[in-house]
């Protein structure tokens, strides 16, 4: 990766919501491609997905 601060920038709320819905439905079938998804949308979705899972890997403070 050649991007600085990728976890500090927010993604587009609509795209993040759609990705989060797709991950929640079935994360194994979600295909992430650079030409289809912006990096900030993916990282914002990942933060949200991990922090809202039952076995949260990220603290709520993040």
PDB file of N, CA and C in Angstrom:
ATOM      1  N   UNK A   1       0.830  -1.189   0.000  1.00  0.00           N
ATOM      2  CA  UNK A   1       0.000   0.000   0.000  1.00  0.00           C
ATOM      3  C   UNK A   1       0.867   1.241   0.000  1.00  0.00           C
ATOM      4  N   UNK A   2       0.456   2.193  -0.769  1.00  0.00           N
ATOM      5  CA  UNK A   2       1.204   3.441  -0.902  1.00  0.00           C
ATOM      6  C   UNK A   2       0.418   4.623  -0.361  1.00  0.00           C
ATOM      7  N   UNK A   3      -0.518   4.390   0.525  1.00  0.00           N
ATOM      8  CA  UNK A   3      -1.369   5.456   1.034  1.00  0.00           C
ATOM      9  C   UNK A   3      -1.107   5.672   2.514  1.00  0.00           C
ATOM     10  N   UNK A   4      -0.999   6.938   2.910  1.00  0.00           N
ATOM     11  CA  UNK A   4      -0.833   7.268   4.321  1.00  0.00           C
ATOM     12  C   UNK A   4      -2.188   7.584   4.930  1.00  0.00           C
ATOM     13  N   UNK A   5      -2.355   7.216   6.182  1.00  0.00           N
ATOM     14  CA  UNK A   5      -3.557   7.585   6.915  1.00  0.00           C
ATOM     15  C   UNK A   5      -4.844   6.995   6.385  1.00  0.00           C
ATOM     16  N   UNK A   6      -4.782   5.796   5.808  1.00  0.00           N
ATOM     17  CA  UNK A   6      -5.992   5.242   5.188  1.00  0.00           C
ATOM     18  C   UNK A   6      -7.094   4.954   6.204  1.00  0.00           C
ATOM     19  N   UNK A   7      -6.734   4.682   7.442  1.00  0.00           N
ATOM     20  CA  UNK A   7      -7.754   4.409   8.451  1.00  0.00           C
ATOM     21  C   UNK A   7      -8.247   5.680   9.121  1.00  0.00           C
ATOM     22  N   UNK A   8      -7.691   6.822   8.754  1.00  0.00           N
ATOM     23  CA  UNK A   8      -8.123   8.096   9.328  1.00  0.00           C
ATOM     24  C   UNK A   8      -9.102   8.824   8.420  1.00  0.00           C
ATOM     25  N   UNK A   9      -9.191   8.429   7.166  1.00  0.00           N
ATOM     26  CA  UNK A   9     -10.091   9.083   6.219  1.00  0.00           C
ATOM     27  C   UNK A   9     -11.386   8.295   6.129  1.00  0.00           C
ATOM     28  N   UNK A  10     -12.496   9.021   6.099  1.00  0.00           N
ATOM     29  CA  UNK A  10     -13.800   8.377   6.015  1.00  0.00           C
ATOM     30  C   UNK A  10     -14.173   8.087   4.570  1.00  0.00           C
ATOM     31  N   UNK A  11     -14.897   6.997   4.400  1.00  0.00           N
ATOM     32  CA  UNK A  11     -15.408   6.660   3.084  1.00  0.00           C
ATOM     33  C   UNK A  11     -16.752   7.318   2.836  1.00  0.00           C
ATOM     34  N   UNK A  12     -17.283   7.125   1.651  1.00  0.00           N
ATOM     35  CA  UNK A  12     -18.600   7.643   1.298  1.00  0.00           C
ATOM     36  C   UNK A  12     -19.654   6.863   2.088  1.00  0.00           C
ATOM     37  N   UNK A  13     -20.504   7.549   2.873  1.00  0.00           N
ATOM     38  CA  UNK A  13     -21.468   6.847   3.732  1.00  0.00           C
ATOM     39  C   UNK A  13     -22.375   5.862   2.990  1.00  0.00           C
ATOM     40  N   UNK A  14     -22.826   6.212   1.805  1.00  0.00           N
ATOM     41  CA  UNK A  14     -23.712   5.308   1.054  1.00  0.00           C
ATOM     42  C   UNK A  14     -22.966   4.055   0.607  1.00  0.00           C
ATOM     43  N   UNK A  15     -21.749   4.227   0.127  1.00  0.00           N
ATOM     44  CA  UNK A  15     -20.964   3.065  -0.318  1.00  0.00           C
ATOM     45  C   UNK A  15     -20.558   2.193   0.866  1.00  0.00           C
ATOM     46  N   UNK A  16     -20.213   2.837   1.978  1.00  0.00           N
ATOM     47  CA  UNK A  16     -19.848   2.088   3.184  1.00  0.00           C
ATOM     48  C   UNK A  16     -21.050   1.291   3.680  1.00  0.00           C
ATOM     49  N   UNK A  17     -22.224   1.904   3.697  1.00  0.00           N
ATOM     50  CA  UNK A  17     -23.439   1.211   4.138  1.00  0.00           C
ATOM     51  C   UNK A  17     -23.730   0.004   3.252  1.00  0.00           C
ATOM     52  N   UNK A  18     -23.560   0.163   1.937  1.00  0.00           N
ATOM     53  CA  UNK A  18     -23.806  -0.955   1.018  1.00  0.00           C
ATOM     54  C   UNK A  18     -22.799  -2.079   1.243  1.00  0.00           C
ATOM     55  N   UNK A  19     -21.530  -1.720   1.366  1.00  0.00           N
ATOM     56  CA  UNK A  19     -20.510  -2.742   1.620  1.00  0.00           C
ATOM     57  C   UNK A  19     -20.751  -3.437   2.957  1.00  0.00           C
ATOM     58  N   UNK A  20     -21.120  -2.668   3.976  1.00  0.00           N
ATOM     59  CA  UNK A  20     -21.382  -3.249   5.289  1.00  0.00           C
ATOM     60  C   UNK A  20     -22.559  -4.211   5.227  1.00  0.00           C
ATOM     61  N   UNK A  21     -23.585  -3.840   4.488  1.00  0.00           N
ATOM     62  CA  UNK A  21     -24.734  -4.733   4.308  1.00  0.00           C
ATOM     63  C   UNK A  21     -24.304  -6.016   3.597  1.00  0.00           C
ATOM     64  N   UNK A  22     -23.480  -5.888   2.568  1.00  0.00           N
ATOM     65  CA  UNK A  22     -22.990  -7.059   1.840  1.00  0.00           C
ATOM     66  C   UNK A  22     -22.146  -7.956   2.739  1.00  0.00           C
ATOM     67  N   UNK A  23     -21.263  -7.353   3.545  1.00  0.00           N
ATOM     68  CA  UNK A  23     -20.430  -8.131   4.460  1.00  0.00           C
ATOM     69  C   UNK A  23     -21.280  -8.833   5.509  1.00  0.00           C
ATOM     70  N   UNK A  24     -22.279  -8.144   6.030  1.00  0.00           N
ATOM     71  CA  UNK A  24     -23.136  -8.721   7.062  1.00  0.00           C
ATOM     72  C   UNK A  24     -23.947  -9.888   6.513  1.00  0.00           C
ATOM     73  N   UNK A  25     -24.393  -9.749   5.278  1.00  0.00           N
ATOM     74  CA  UNK A  25     -25.180 -10.811   4.642  1.00  0.00           C
ATOM     75  C   UNK A  25     -24.325 -12.056   4.419  1.00  0.00           C
ATOM     76  N   UNK A  26     -23.162 -11.890   3.798  1.00  0.00           N
ATOM     77  CA  UNK A  26     -22.266 -13.017   3.543  1.00  0.00           C
ATOM     78  C   UNK A  26     -20.899 -12.478   3.128  1.00  0.00           C
ATOM     79  N   UNK A  27     -20.028 -12.300   4.091  1.00  0.00           N
ATOM     80  CA  UNK A  27     -18.718 -11.689   3.841  1.00  0.00           C
ATOM     81  C   UNK A  27     -17.864 -12.514   2.884  1.00  0.00           C
ATOM     82  N   UNK A  28     -18.099 -13.802   2.829  1.00  0.00           N
ATOM     83  CA  UNK A  28     -17.265 -14.664   1.983  1.00  0.00           C
ATOM     84  C   UNK A  28     -17.472 -14.442   0.486  1.00  0.00           C
ATOM     85  N   UNK A  29     -18.609 -13.903   0.106  1.00  0.00           N
ATOM     86  CA  UNK A  29     -18.873 -13.722  -1.322  1.00  0.00           C
ATOM     87  C   UNK A  29     -18.582 -12.302  -1.814  1.00  0.00           C
ATOM     88  N   UNK A  30     -18.211 -11.410  -0.913  1.00  0.00           N
ATOM     89  CA  UNK A  30     -17.917 -10.030  -1.312  1.00  0.00           C
ATOM     90  C   UNK A  30     -16.583  -9.997  -2.048  1.00  0.00           C
ATOM     91  N   UNK A  31     -16.599  -9.428  -3.228  1.00  0.00           N
ATOM     92  CA  UNK A  31     -15.385  -9.296  -4.040  1.00  0.00           C
ATOM     93  C   UNK A  31     -14.957  -7.833  -4.037  1.00  0.00           C
ATOM     94  N   UNK A  32     -13.791  -7.571  -3.483  1.00  0.00           N
ATOM     95  CA  UNK A  32     -13.266  -6.207  -3.433  1.00  0.00           C
ATOM     96  C   UNK A  32     -12.261  -6.025  -4.563  1.00  0.00           C
ATOM     97  N   UNK A  33     -12.545  -5.067  -5.426  1.00  0.00           N
ATOM     98  CA  UNK A  33     -11.669  -4.787  -6.564  1.00  0.00           C
ATOM     99  C   UNK A  33     -11.354  -3.300  -6.591  1.00  0.00           C
ATOM    100  N   UNK A  34     -10.108  -2.967  -6.890  1.00  0.00           N
ATOM    101  CA  UNK A  34      -9.674  -1.567  -6.910  1.00  0.00           C
ATOM    102  C   UNK A  34     -10.496  -0.736  -7.887  1.00  0.00           C
ATOM    103  N   UNK A  35     -10.885  -1.304  -9.004  1.00  0.00           N
ATOM    104  CA  UNK A  35     -11.645  -0.543  -9.993  1.00  0.00           C
ATOM    105  C   UNK A  35     -13.101  -0.341  -9.578  1.00  0.00           C
ATOM    106  N   UNK A  36     -13.587  -1.123  -8.614  1.00  0.00           N
ATOM    107  CA  UNK A  36     -14.984  -1.025  -8.179  1.00  0.00           C
ATOM    108  C   UNK A  36     -15.166  -0.328  -6.839  1.00  0.00           C
ATOM    109  N   UNK A  37     -14.122  -0.293  -6.013  1.00  0.00           N
ATOM    110  CA  UNK A  37     -14.244   0.236  -4.655  1.00  0.00           C
ATOM    111  C   UNK A  37     -13.101   1.193  -4.332  1.00  0.00           C
ATOM    112  N   UNK A  38     -13.444   2.296  -3.689  1.00  0.00           N
ATOM    113  CA  UNK A  38     -12.415   3.229  -3.228  1.00  0.00           C
ATOM    114  C   UNK A  38     -11.810   2.693  -1.932  1.00  0.00           C
ATOM    115  N   UNK A  39     -10.527   2.923  -1.750  1.00  0.00           N
ATOM    116  CA  UNK A  39      -9.813   2.422  -0.580  1.00  0.00           C
ATOM    117  C   UNK A  39     -10.443   2.920   0.718  1.00  0.00           C
ATOM    118  N   UNK A  40     -10.826   4.193   0.773  1.00  0.00           N
ATOM    119  CA  UNK A  40     -11.420   4.750   1.986  1.00  0.00           C
ATOM    120  C   UNK A  40     -12.753   4.083   2.312  1.00  0.00           C
ATOM    121  N   UNK A  41     -13.516   3.714   1.306  1.00  0.00           N
ATOM    122  CA  UNK A  41     -14.787   3.022   1.541  1.00  0.00           C
ATOM    123  C   UNK A  41     -14.542   1.648   2.154  1.00  0.00           C
ATOM    124  N   UNK A  42     -13.553   0.954   1.637  1.00  0.00           N
ATOM    125  CA  UNK A  42     -13.245  -0.392   2.127  1.00  0.00           C
ATOM    126  C   UNK A  42     -12.706  -0.341   3.553  1.00  0.00           C
ATOM    127  N   UNK A  43     -11.778   0.568   3.835  1.00  0.00           N
ATOM    128  CA  UNK A  43     -11.212   0.632   5.185  1.00  0.00           C
ATOM    129  C   UNK A  43     -12.245   1.104   6.197  1.00  0.00           C
ATOM    130  N   UNK A  44     -13.106   2.036   5.813  1.00  0.00           N
ATOM    131  CA  UNK A  44     -14.163   2.501   6.713  1.00  0.00           C
ATOM    132  C   UNK A  44     -15.153   1.370   6.988  1.00  0.00           C
ATOM    133  N   UNK A  45     -15.471   0.593   5.966  1.00  0.00           N
ATOM    134  CA  UNK A  45     -16.357  -0.559   6.131  1.00  0.00           C
ATOM    135  C   UNK A  45     -15.724  -1.594   7.050  1.00  0.00           C
ATOM    136  N   UNK A  46     -14.448  -1.855   6.856  1.00  0.00           N
ATOM    137  CA  UNK A  46     -13.745  -2.827   7.695  1.00  0.00           C
ATOM    138  C   UNK A  46     -13.746  -2.394   9.155  1.00  0.00           C
ATOM    139  N   UNK A  47     -13.465  -1.123   9.410  1.00  0.00           N
ATOM    140  CA  UNK A  47     -13.493  -0.611  10.788  1.00  0.00           C
ATOM    141  C   UNK A  47     -14.867  -0.824  11.409  1.00  0.00           C
ATOM    142  N   UNK A  48     -15.898  -0.477  10.679  1.00  0.00           N
ATOM    143  CA  UNK A  48     -17.257  -0.606  11.193  1.00  0.00           C
ATOM    144  C   UNK A  48     -17.636  -2.072  11.400  1.00  0.00           C
ATOM    145  N   UNK A  49     -17.326  -2.907  10.426  1.00  0.00           N
ATOM    146  CA  UNK A  49     -17.647  -4.334  10.509  1.00  0.00           C
ATOM    147  C   UNK A  49     -16.985  -4.982  11.725  1.00  0.00           C
ATOM    148  N   UNK A  50     -15.702  -4.708  11.920  1.00  0.00           N
ATOM    149  CA  UNK A  50     -14.975  -5.314  13.035  1.00  0.00           C
ATOM    150  C   UNK A  50     -15.414  -4.756  14.381  1.00  0.00           C
ATOM    151  N   UNK A  51     -15.732  -3.489  14.447  1.00  0.00           N
ATOM    152  CA  UNK A  51     -16.112  -2.902  15.733  1.00  0.00           C
ATOM    153  C   UNK A  51     -17.530  -3.275  16.148  1.00  0.00           C
ATOM    154  N   UNK A  52     -18.377  -3.679  15.201  1.00  0.00           N
ATOM    155  CA  UNK A  52     -19.747  -4.050  15.532  1.00  0.00           C
ATOM    156  C   UNK A  52     -19.963  -5.561  15.626  1.00  0.00           C
ATOM    157  N   UNK A  53     -18.931  -6.334  15.388  1.00  0.00           N
ATOM    158  CA  UNK A  53     -19.092  -7.784  15.512  1.00  0.00           C
ATOM    159  C   UNK A  53     -19.181  -8.150  16.988  1.00  0.00           C
ATOM    160  N   UNK A  54     -19.755  -9.305  17.262  1.00  0.00           N
ATOM    161  CA  UNK A  54     -19.928  -9.726  18.654  1.00  0.00           C
ATOM    162  C   UNK A  54     -18.595  -9.858  19.372  1.00  0.00           C
ATOM    163  N   UNK A  55     -17.588 -10.331  18.682  1.00  0.00           N
ATOM    164  CA  UNK A  55     -16.252 -10.458  19.251  1.00  0.00           C
ATOM    165  C   UNK A  55     -15.391  -9.337  18.683  1.00  0.00           C
ATOM    166  N   UNK A  56     -15.685  -8.117  19.094  1.00  0.00           N
ATOM    167  CA  UNK A  56     -15.037  -6.931  18.527  1.00  0.00           C
ATOM    168  C   UNK A  56     -13.521  -7.009  18.656  1.00  0.00           C
ATOM    169  N   UNK A  57     -12.844  -6.737  17.546  1.00  0.00           N
ATOM    170  CA  UNK A  57     -11.386  -6.712  17.529  1.00  0.00           C
ATOM    171  C   UNK A  57     -10.848  -5.314  17.769  1.00  0.00           C
ATOM    172  N   UNK A  58     -11.690  -4.307  17.533  1.00  0.00           N
ATOM    173  CA  UNK A  58     -11.279  -2.919  17.714  1.00  0.00           C
ATOM    174  C   UNK A  58     -12.030  -2.322  18.894  1.00  0.00           C
ATOM    175  N   UNK A  59     -11.325  -1.549  19.691  1.00  0.00           N
ATOM    176  CA  UNK A  59     -11.965  -0.895  20.825  1.00  0.00           C
ATOM    177  C   UNK A  59     -12.934   0.172  20.330  1.00  0.00           C
ATOM    178  N   UNK A  60     -13.958   0.449  21.098  1.00  0.00           N
ATOM    179  CA  UNK A  60     -14.950   1.458  20.720  1.00  0.00           C
ATOM    180  C   UNK A  60     -14.323   2.841  20.577  1.00  0.00           C
ATOM    181  N   UNK A  61     -13.209   3.094  21.274  1.00  0.00           N
ATOM    182  CA  UNK A  61     -12.553   4.398  21.228  1.00  0.00           C
ATOM    183  C   UNK A  61     -11.958   4.687  19.860  1.00  0.00           C
ATOM    184  N   UNK A  62     -11.683   3.659  19.051  1.00  0.00           N
ATOM    185  CA  UNK A  62     -11.098   3.865  17.734  1.00  0.00           C
ATOM    186  C   UNK A  62     -12.165   4.364  16.810  1.00  0.00           C
TER     187      UNK A  62
END
